[in-house]
Amino acid sequence: MKRIAIVEDEPAIRENYADVLRKQGYSVSTYPNRPDAELAFVTRLPDLAIIDIGLQDEIDGGFQLCQYLRAKSATVPIIFLTARDSDIDTVVGLRMGADDYLTKDVSLPHLMARIAALFRRSDLLQEASTESEKLIERGKLTLDLNRMQVQWNGHTIELTVTEFWLVHAMAKRPGHVRSRQDLMQEAHVVVDDSTITSHVKRIRKKFLAVDVDFDRINTVYGMGYRWDSAE
């Protein structure tokens, strides 16, 4: 049974989501604030976390919790579910390492679909880990599918699971333009175009941190993104 953690300070909202998820067959733990959630995560990590941003007296407690959880695991799916719908909050949330960012007006069927998509991706990762070692090498780039590790010119690039699959989707077919829809399918997420754009920007930034001349991910305006195979 998949274990989901809900971190939400409004009791009625928290229990409503928990009840719906339990009826879908998930095991659900709920927490009203960041300290309680962090204490629980020390003992056992959830299979997926749903986090609000404002938590009791901490206006950005959810962001802090996301950073804490991502530091403990690069692969646990994290969804922000919040009333805050500004572009700035969305970008910050994704930069913190969240896999998805939803506002509380999202329908329950849509939320269930997002959760199911993230769990399908997790299951695929587990299947991949049981197979023989898989390496993809594209010049300075090395993708290790077993270890979910990316290296650029010998330097390890710390990517979230979503970011890893986006790089994989582009790099496995250099020179081919991948639409945002293609990238969503490859990463097993259902998000809007702006979220994919934010993920790609963050990926570029991480590569540039180890190589200021990195220029392999190209935007093809109106179409999508392409991994440049030029060396």
Protein backbone atom coordinates (compact mmCIF):
# COMPACT_ATOMS: atom_id res chain seq x y z
CA MET A 1 0.00 0.00 0.00
CA LYS A 2 1.40 3.38 -1.02
CA ARG A 3 1.97 5.80 1.87
CA ILE A 4 1.01 9.45 1.41
CA ALA A 5 1.79 12.26 3.83
CA ILE A 6 -0.47 15.33 3.90
CA VAL A 7 0.92 18.44 5.58
CA GLU A 8 -1.91 20.96 5.90
CA ASP A 9 -2.80 23.26 8.81
CA GLU A 10 -6.56 23.49 8.12
CA PRO A 11 -8.12 20.45 9.84
CA ALA A 12 -11.21 20.24 7.62
CA ILE A 13 -9.20 20.44 4.40
CA ARG A 14 -6.58 18.02 5.72
CA GLU A 15 -9.10 15.37 6.72
CA ASN A 16 -11.15 15.79 3.55
CA TYR A 17 -8.16 15.00 1.35
CA ALA A 18 -7.10 12.19 3.68
CA ASP A 19 -10.55 10.61 3.52
CA VAL A 20 -10.64 10.74 -0.27
CA LEU A 21 -7.17 9.23 -0.59
CA ARG A 22 -7.92 6.43 1.87
CA LYS A 23 -10.99 5.52 -0.17
CA GLN A 24 -8.64 5.21 -3.16
CA GLY A 25 -6.62 2.60 -1.27
CA TYR A 26 -3.74 4.73 -0.02
CA SER A 27 -2.32 4.74 3.49
CA VAL A 28 -2.44 8.36 4.67
CA SER A 29 -0.68 10.18 7.50
CA THR A 30 -1.56 13.79 8.27
CA TYR A 31 0.39 16.60 9.94
CA PRO A 32 -0.69 20.16 10.84
CA ASN A 33 2.76 21.75 10.76
CA ARG A 34 6.36 21.41 9.60
CA PRO A 35 7.96 20.25 12.90
CA ASP A 36 5.49 17.36 13.31
CA ALA A 37 6.05 16.26 9.71
CA GLU A 38 9.84 16.45 9.95
CA LEU A 39 9.81 14.44 13.17
CA ALA A 40 7.78 11.71 11.46
CA PHE A 41 10.01 11.74 8.36
CA VAL A 42 13.07 11.04 10.50
CA THR A 43 11.58 7.63 11.28
CA ARG A 44 10.05 6.85 7.90
CA LEU A 45 9.69 8.69 4.63
CA PRO A 46 6.37 8.66 2.80
CA ASP A 47 6.02 7.35 -0.75
CA LEU A 48 4.58 10.76 -1.71
CA ALA A 49 4.08 14.06 0.13
CA ILE A 50 1.35 16.66 -0.37
CA ILE A 51 2.37 19.94 1.24
CA ASP A 52 0.72 23.33 1.77
CA ILE A 53 3.04 26.36 1.76
CA GLY A 54 1.68 28.33 4.70
CA LEU A 55 1.71 26.11 7.81
CA GLN A 56 0.31 27.60 11.02
CA ASP A 57 2.63 30.45 12.05
CA GLU A 58 5.17 29.73 9.28
CA ILE A 59 4.23 31.63 6.15
CA ASP A 60 6.69 29.61 4.05
CA GLY A 61 6.88 26.49 6.20
CA GLY A 62 5.97 24.28 3.25
CA PHE A 63 8.96 25.50 1.28
CA GLN A 64 11.24 24.68 4.23
CA LEU A 65 9.68 21.23 4.55
CA CYS A 66 10.16 20.58 0.84
CA GLN A 67 13.86 21.42 1.15
CA TYR A 68 14.16 19.14 4.18
CA LEU A 69 12.43 16.25 2.45
CA ARG A 70 14.34 16.69 -0.79
CA ALA A 71 17.63 16.67 1.14
CA LYS A 72 16.65 13.29 2.61
CA SER A 73 15.48 11.83 -0.70
CA ALA A 74 15.91 12.90 -4.31
CA THR A 75 13.16 10.54 -5.44
CA VAL A 76 10.16 10.98 -3.12
CA PRO A 77 7.46 12.74 -5.19
CA ILE A 78 6.43 16.09 -3.69
CA ILE A 79 3.26 17.98 -4.60
CA PHE A 80 2.53 21.49 -3.39
CA LEU A 81 -1.21 21.92 -2.85
CA THR A 82 -1.88 25.51 -1.84
CA ALA A 83 -4.15 28.52 -2.20
CA ARG A 84 -1.17 30.60 -3.33
CA ASP A 85 -1.34 30.83 -7.11
CA SER A 86 1.29 33.43 -8.01
CA ASP A 87 3.91 32.65 -10.65
CA ILE A 88 6.62 33.50 -8.12
CA ASP A 89 5.40 30.89 -5.64
CA THR A 90 5.10 28.30 -8.40
CA VAL A 91 8.64 28.91 -9.61
CA VAL A 92 10.03 28.90 -6.07
CA GLY A 93 8.22 25.65 -5.30
CA LEU A 94 9.63 23.92 -8.36
CA ARG A 95 13.11 25.26 -7.69
CA MET A 96 12.88 23.77 -4.20
CA GLY A 97 12.58 20.39 -5.90
CA ALA A 98 8.82 19.78 -5.94
CA ASP A 99 7.49 17.58 -8.73
CA ASP A 100 4.16 19.35 -9.06
CA TYR A 101 2.41 22.54 -7.94
CA LEU A 102 -1.39 22.64 -7.68
CA THR A 103 -3.83 25.16 -6.29
CA LYS A 104 -6.64 24.12 -3.97
CA ASP A 105 -9.30 24.77 -6.59
CA VAL A 106 -8.06 21.68 -8.44
CA SER A 107 -10.74 19.02 -8.78
CA LEU A 108 -10.34 15.82 -6.81
CA PRO A 109 -10.26 13.63 -9.98
CA HIS A 110 -7.47 15.84 -11.34
CA LEU A 111 -5.53 15.57 -8.09
CA MET A 112 -5.96 11.78 -8.11
CA ALA A 113 -4.65 11.66 -11.69
CA ARG A 114 -1.54 13.65 -10.74
CA ILE A 115 -0.85 11.37 -7.79
CA ALA A 116 -1.36 8.23 -9.88
CA ALA A 117 1.02 9.57 -12.55
CA LEU A 118 3.75 10.19 -9.99
CA PHE A 119 3.32 6.71 -8.53
CA ARG A 120 3.50 5.16 -12.01
CA ARG A 121 6.81 6.91 -12.45
CA SER A 122 8.07 5.60 -9.11
CA ASP A 123 7.08 2.07 -10.09
CA LEU A 124 9.00 2.42 -13.36
CA LEU A 125 12.08 3.50 -11.42
CA GLN A 126 11.85 0.41 -9.24
CA GLU A 127 11.53 -1.80 -12.32
CA ALA A 128 14.56 -0.15 -13.88
CA SER A 129 16.62 -0.82 -10.77
CA THR A 130 16.09 -4.57 -11.18
CA GLU A 131 17.39 -4.61 -14.75
CA SER A 132 20.98 -4.79 -15.89
CA GLU A 133 22.92 -1.56 -15.72
CA LYS A 134 21.88 1.00 -18.30
CA LEU A 135 24.14 3.83 -19.33
CA ILE A 136 23.49 6.51 -21.91
CA GLU A 137 26.53 8.48 -23.01
CA ARG A 138 26.28 11.58 -25.17
CA GLY A 139 29.66 13.26 -25.32
CA LYS A 140 30.25 14.86 -21.93
CA LEU A 141 26.89 13.60 -20.67
CA THR A 142 26.45 10.28 -18.85
CA LEU A 143 23.04 9.06 -17.69
CA ASP A 144 22.97 6.10 -15.31
CA LEU A 145 19.39 4.80 -15.23
CA ASN A 146 20.02 2.37 -12.40
CA ARG A 147 21.46 4.96 -10.04
CA MET A 148 19.32 7.82 -11.38
CA GLN A 149 22.55 9.74 -11.72
CA VAL A 150 23.61 12.34 -14.25
CA GLN A 151 27.17 13.44 -14.88
CA TRP A 152 28.46 16.20 -17.09
CA ASN A 153 32.16 16.09 -17.94
CA GLY A 154 32.76 14.02 -14.81
CA HIS A 155 30.75 16.27 -12.50
CA THR A 156 27.61 14.87 -10.85
CA ILE A 157 24.50 16.98 -11.48
CA GLU A 158 22.00 16.75 -8.62
CA LEU A 159 18.61 16.40 -10.30
CA THR A 160 15.17 15.57 -8.98
CA VAL A 161 13.40 12.57 -10.50
CA THR A 162 11.32 14.79 -12.78
CA GLU A 163 14.43 16.63 -13.96
CA PHE A 164 16.26 13.35 -14.58
CA TRP A 165 13.53 12.03 -16.85
CA LEU A 166 13.31 15.33 -18.74
CA VAL A 167 17.05 15.19 -19.45
CA HIS A 168 16.70 11.54 -20.42
CA ALA A 169 13.85 12.35 -22.80
CA MET A 170 15.89 14.99 -24.59
CA ALA A 171 19.32 13.34 -24.55
CA LYS A 172 18.31 9.89 -25.74
CA ARG A 173 17.51 11.37 -29.16
CA PRO A 174 19.93 14.26 -29.72
CA GLY A 175 18.90 16.74 -32.36
CA HIS A 176 15.22 15.80 -32.17
CA VAL A 177 12.75 18.40 -30.93
CA ARG A 178 10.68 17.16 -28.00
CA SER A 179 7.40 18.97 -27.43
CA ARG A 180 6.29 19.83 -23.92
CA GLN A 181 3.65 17.10 -24.24
CA ASP A 182 6.38 14.59 -25.16
CA LEU A 183 8.39 15.64 -22.13
CA MET A 184 5.39 15.28 -19.83
CA GLN A 185 4.82 11.74 -21.07
CA GLU A 186 8.48 10.81 -20.67
CA ALA A 187 8.61 12.23 -17.13
CA HIS A 188 5.25 10.63 -16.23
CA VAL A 189 3.79 13.91 -14.98
CA VAL A 190 0.71 15.87 -15.97
CA VAL A 191 1.49 19.58 -15.69
CA ASP A 192 0.96 22.73 -17.71
CA ASP A 193 3.44 24.11 -20.23
CA SER A 194 4.77 26.77 -17.86
CA THR A 195 5.71 24.10 -15.32
CA ILE A 196 7.75 22.21 -17.93
CA THR A 197 9.43 25.51 -18.84
CA SER A 198 10.33 26.11 -15.19
CA HIS A 199 11.78 22.61 -14.89
CA VAL A 200 13.93 23.09 -18.00
CA LYS A 201 15.22 26.45 -16.77
CA ARG A 202 16.21 24.86 -13.48
CA ILE A 203 17.97 21.99 -15.29
CA ARG A 204 19.97 24.46 -17.39
CA LYS A 205 20.97 26.34 -14.25
CA LYS A 206 22.28 23.17 -12.60
CA PHE A 207 24.42 22.28 -15.63
CA LEU A 208 25.71 25.85 -15.87
CA ALA A 209 26.79 25.65 -12.23
CA VAL A 210 29.44 23.09 -13.22
CA ASP A 211 30.08 24.35 -16.78
CA VAL A 212 29.57 28.01 -17.63
CA ASP A 213 29.71 27.13 -21.33
CA PHE A 214 26.91 24.56 -21.18
CA ASP A 215 24.61 25.07 -24.16
CA ARG A 216 23.20 21.64 -25.04
CA ILE A 217 19.53 22.31 -24.21
CA ASN A 218 18.06 24.52 -26.89
CA THR A 219 14.60 26.07 -26.99
CA VAL A 220 12.83 25.65 -30.32
CA TYR A 221 10.21 28.37 -30.06
CA GLY A 222 6.67 27.23 -30.62
CA MET A 223 7.73 23.58 -30.67
CA GLY A 224 9.66 22.51 -27.56
CA TYR A 225 13.22 21.64 -26.61
CA ARG A 226 16.17 19.87 -28.24
CA TRP A 227 19.37 18.34 -26.91
CA ASP A 228 22.19 19.59 -29.12
CA SER A 229 24.55 16.76 -30.03
CA ALA A 230 27.36 19.08 -31.16
CA GLU A 231 30.64 18.63 -29.35
